Amino acid sequence: MNTRAERIRHVIQHRDGEFLNIRCEHKKNFMDAYRWGSVEEIQGFLSGHYAPLNPSEYQARMVRITYELMEEET
């Protein structure tokens, strides 16, 4: 039985190093950023109606998320 899985997601990072959540709020920790399924989704968001000001100051960054099944503590 497989007890570990990895997924690749993407986050939006401003050139100052902070990350963007879905409300276009800057967050210092990438764990607080919204995780997108693809770079194309981010490009669509950054060129859309709800994009932050100066979208050229943002870039997509890849995040590897690891899920691991844990044993119950007794």
N, C-alpha and C. Protein backbone atom coordinates (compact mmCIF):
# COMPACT_ATOMS: atom_id res chain seq x y z
N MET A 1 0.85 -1.18 0.00
CA MET A 1 0.00 0.00 0.00
C MET A 1 0.89 1.24 0.00
N ASN A 2 0.56 2.17 -0.88
CA ASN A 2 1.30 3.42 -0.98
C ASN A 2 0.86 4.36 0.15
N THR A 3 1.81 4.83 0.94
CA THR A 3 1.47 5.71 2.07
C THR A 3 2.02 7.12 1.87
N ARG A 4 2.53 7.40 0.67
CA ARG A 4 3.12 8.71 0.41
C ARG A 4 2.78 9.13 -1.02
N ALA A 5 2.48 10.42 -1.20
CA ALA A 5 2.18 10.96 -2.53
C ALA A 5 2.70 12.39 -2.61
N GLU A 6 3.07 12.79 -3.80
CA GLU A 6 3.52 14.16 -4.03
C GLU A 6 2.68 14.80 -5.12
N ARG A 7 2.45 16.08 -4.98
CA ARG A 7 1.72 16.86 -5.98
C ARG A 7 2.51 18.14 -6.24
N ILE A 8 2.43 18.61 -7.47
CA ILE A 8 3.05 19.88 -7.82
C ILE A 8 1.93 20.91 -7.95
N ARG A 9 2.08 22.02 -7.29
CA ARG A 9 1.16 23.14 -7.39
C ARG A 9 1.99 24.40 -7.63
N HIS A 10 1.33 25.50 -7.87
CA HIS A 10 2.02 26.75 -8.15
C HIS A 10 1.45 27.86 -7.29
N VAL A 11 2.31 28.78 -6.90
CA VAL A 11 1.90 29.95 -6.13
C VAL A 11 2.39 31.19 -6.88
N ILE A 12 1.82 32.33 -6.53
CA ILE A 12 2.21 33.60 -7.14
C ILE A 12 3.12 34.33 -6.16
N GLN A 13 4.29 34.74 -6.66
CA GLN A 13 5.25 35.45 -5.82
C GLN A 13 5.53 36.82 -6.42
N HIS A 14 5.50 37.84 -5.56
CA HIS A 14 5.83 39.20 -5.97
C HIS A 14 7.35 39.33 -6.02
N ARG A 15 7.83 40.28 -6.76
CA ARG A 15 9.29 40.42 -6.88
C ARG A 15 9.95 40.81 -5.55
N ASP A 16 9.17 41.29 -4.58
CA ASP A 16 9.73 41.59 -3.25
C ASP A 16 9.85 40.34 -2.38
N GLY A 17 9.40 39.18 -2.91
CA GLY A 17 9.53 37.92 -2.19
C GLY A 17 8.26 37.45 -1.50
N GLU A 18 7.28 38.32 -1.34
CA GLU A 18 6.04 37.91 -0.69
C GLU A 18 5.14 37.17 -1.68
N PHE A 19 4.21 36.40 -1.12
CA PHE A 19 3.32 35.56 -1.91
C PHE A 19 1.92 36.14 -1.89
N LEU A 20 1.11 35.73 -2.85
CA LEU A 20 -0.22 36.30 -3.02
C LEU A 20 -1.29 35.27 -2.69
N ASN A 21 -2.27 35.67 -1.86
CA ASN A 21 -3.39 34.76 -1.63
C ASN A 21 -4.50 35.10 -2.63
N ILE A 22 -5.61 34.42 -2.55
CA ILE A 22 -6.68 34.56 -3.55
C ILE A 22 -7.33 35.95 -3.48
N ARG A 23 -7.16 36.66 -2.38
CA ARG A 23 -7.72 38.02 -2.22
C ARG A 23 -6.71 39.10 -2.61
N CYS A 24 -5.60 38.68 -3.23
CA CYS A 24 -4.51 39.58 -3.64
C CYS A 24 -3.84 40.24 -2.44
N GLU A 25 -3.86 39.58 -1.30
CA GLU A 25 -3.16 40.06 -0.12
C GLU A 25 -1.76 39.44 -0.10
N HIS A 26 -0.78 40.24 0.26
CA HIS A 26 0.59 39.75 0.33
C HIS A 26 0.81 38.97 1.62
N LYS A 27 1.45 37.82 1.51
CA LYS A 27 1.74 36.96 2.65
C LYS A 27 3.22 36.60 2.63
N LYS A 28 3.85 36.60 3.80
CA LYS A 28 5.27 36.28 3.88
C LYS A 28 5.54 34.79 3.71
N ASN A 29 4.61 33.95 4.13
CA ASN A 29 4.79 32.50 4.10
C ASN A 29 4.08 31.92 2.89
N PHE A 30 4.78 31.12 2.09
CA PHE A 30 4.14 30.55 0.90
C PHE A 30 3.02 29.59 1.26
N MET A 31 3.00 29.08 2.48
CA MET A 31 1.91 28.20 2.90
C MET A 31 0.58 28.95 2.99
N ASP A 32 0.63 30.27 3.11
CA ASP A 32 -0.57 31.09 3.18
C ASP A 32 -1.05 31.53 1.79
N ALA A 33 -0.27 31.24 0.78
CA ALA A 33 -0.63 31.63 -0.59
C ALA A 33 -1.64 30.64 -1.17
N TYR A 34 -2.40 31.14 -2.12
CA TYR A 34 -3.33 30.25 -2.83
C TYR A 34 -2.51 29.36 -3.76
N ARG A 35 -2.84 28.09 -3.81
CA ARG A 35 -2.10 27.14 -4.65
C ARG A 35 -2.91 26.83 -5.91
N TRP A 36 -2.30 27.13 -7.05
CA TRP A 36 -2.92 26.95 -8.36
C TRP A 36 -2.47 25.62 -8.95
N GLY A 37 -3.28 25.07 -9.83
CA GLY A 37 -2.97 23.79 -10.45
C GLY A 37 -1.99 23.88 -11.60
N SER A 38 -1.88 25.06 -12.22
CA SER A 38 -0.98 25.17 -13.37
C SER A 38 -0.54 26.63 -13.55
N VAL A 39 0.55 26.79 -14.29
CA VAL A 39 1.04 28.12 -14.62
C VAL A 39 0.03 28.84 -15.51
N GLU A 40 -0.65 28.10 -16.36
CA GLU A 40 -1.65 28.70 -17.25
C GLU A 40 -2.78 29.34 -16.45
N GLU A 41 -3.19 28.71 -15.36
CA GLU A 41 -4.23 29.30 -14.49
C GLU A 41 -3.74 30.61 -13.90
N ILE A 42 -2.48 30.65 -13.48
CA ILE A 42 -1.92 31.88 -12.91
C ILE A 42 -1.85 32.97 -13.98
N GLN A 43 -1.42 32.62 -15.17
CA GLN A 43 -1.35 33.61 -16.25
C GLN A 43 -2.74 34.18 -16.56
N GLY A 44 -3.74 33.31 -16.54
CA GLY A 44 -5.11 33.78 -16.75
C GLY A 44 -5.56 34.73 -15.65
N PHE A 45 -5.23 34.40 -14.41
CA PHE A 45 -5.59 35.25 -13.28
C PHE A 45 -4.88 36.60 -13.38
N LEU A 46 -3.58 36.58 -13.67
CA LEU A 46 -2.80 37.82 -13.71
C LEU A 46 -3.17 38.71 -14.90
N SER A 47 -3.86 38.16 -15.88
CA SER A 47 -4.30 38.99 -17.01
C SER A 47 -5.80 39.27 -16.95
N GLY A 48 -6.45 38.83 -15.89
CA GLY A 48 -7.89 38.98 -15.77
C GLY A 48 -8.34 40.20 -14.98
N HIS A 49 -9.63 40.26 -14.79
CA HIS A 49 -10.28 41.39 -14.12
C HIS A 49 -9.83 41.55 -12.65
N TYR A 50 -9.55 40.45 -11.96
CA TYR A 50 -9.22 40.51 -10.54
C TYR A 50 -7.71 40.50 -10.27
N ALA A 51 -6.93 40.74 -11.28
CA ALA A 51 -5.47 40.74 -11.13
C ALA A 51 -5.02 41.85 -10.20
N PRO A 52 -3.90 41.66 -9.51
CA PRO A 52 -3.35 42.73 -8.68
C PRO A 52 -2.81 43.85 -9.55
N LEU A 53 -2.56 45.00 -8.94
CA LEU A 53 -1.92 46.10 -9.66
C LEU A 53 -0.53 45.64 -10.10
N ASN A 54 -0.11 46.07 -11.25
CA ASN A 54 1.21 45.74 -11.80
C ASN A 54 1.46 44.24 -11.86
N PRO A 55 0.67 43.50 -12.60
CA PRO A 55 0.83 42.04 -12.66
C PRO A 55 2.19 41.60 -13.19
N SER A 56 2.90 42.47 -13.89
CA SER A 56 4.22 42.09 -14.39
C SER A 56 5.24 41.94 -13.26
N GLU A 57 4.89 42.38 -12.06
CA GLU A 57 5.78 42.25 -10.90
C GLU A 57 5.64 40.90 -10.20
N TYR A 58 4.82 40.01 -10.76
CA TYR A 58 4.55 38.71 -10.14
C TYR A 58 5.02 37.59 -11.05
N GLN A 59 5.34 36.47 -10.44
CA GLN A 59 5.73 35.28 -11.19
C GLN A 59 5.16 34.03 -10.53
N ALA A 60 5.02 32.99 -11.32
CA ALA A 60 4.58 31.70 -10.80
C ALA A 60 5.78 30.95 -10.24
N ARG A 61 5.61 30.36 -9.08
CA ARG A 61 6.65 29.53 -8.47
C ARG A 61 6.08 28.15 -8.20
N MET A 62 6.87 27.13 -8.44
CA MET A 62 6.44 25.75 -8.25
C MET A 62 6.63 25.34 -6.79
N VAL A 63 5.64 24.60 -6.28
CA VAL A 63 5.67 24.07 -4.92
C VAL A 63 5.42 22.57 -4.98
N ARG A 64 6.24 21.80 -4.31
CA ARG A 64 6.03 20.36 -4.22
C ARG A 64 5.36 20.09 -2.87
N ILE A 65 4.19 19.48 -2.93
CA ILE A 65 3.43 19.16 -1.72
C ILE A 65 3.51 17.65 -1.51
N THR A 66 3.93 17.25 -0.32
CA THR A 66 4.06 15.84 0.00
C THR A 66 3.00 15.46 1.03
N TYR A 67 2.27 14.41 0.72
CA TYR A 67 1.27 13.86 1.63
C TYR A 67 1.81 12.52 2.12
N GLU A 68 1.71 12.30 3.41
CA GLU A 68 2.19 11.04 3.97
C GLU A 68 1.19 10.52 4.99
N LEU A 69 0.80 9.28 4.82
CA LEU A 69 -0.12 8.65 5.75
C LEU A 69 0.62 8.39 7.05
N MET A 70 0.07 8.86 8.16
CA MET A 70 0.72 8.74 9.47
C MET A 70 0.08 7.62 10.26
N GLU A 71 0.88 6.99 11.07
CA GLU A 71 0.37 5.97 11.97
C GLU A 71 -0.31 6.64 13.15
N GLU A 72 -1.37 6.03 13.64
CA GLU A 72 -2.07 6.59 14.79
C GLU A 72 -1.22 6.41 16.04
N GLU A 73 -1.25 7.43 16.88
CA GLU A 73 -0.53 7.35 18.15
C GLU A 73 -1.38 6.58 19.15
N THR A 74 -0.75 5.71 19.92
CA THR A 74 -1.51 4.95 20.93
C THR A 74 -1.25 5.44 22.32
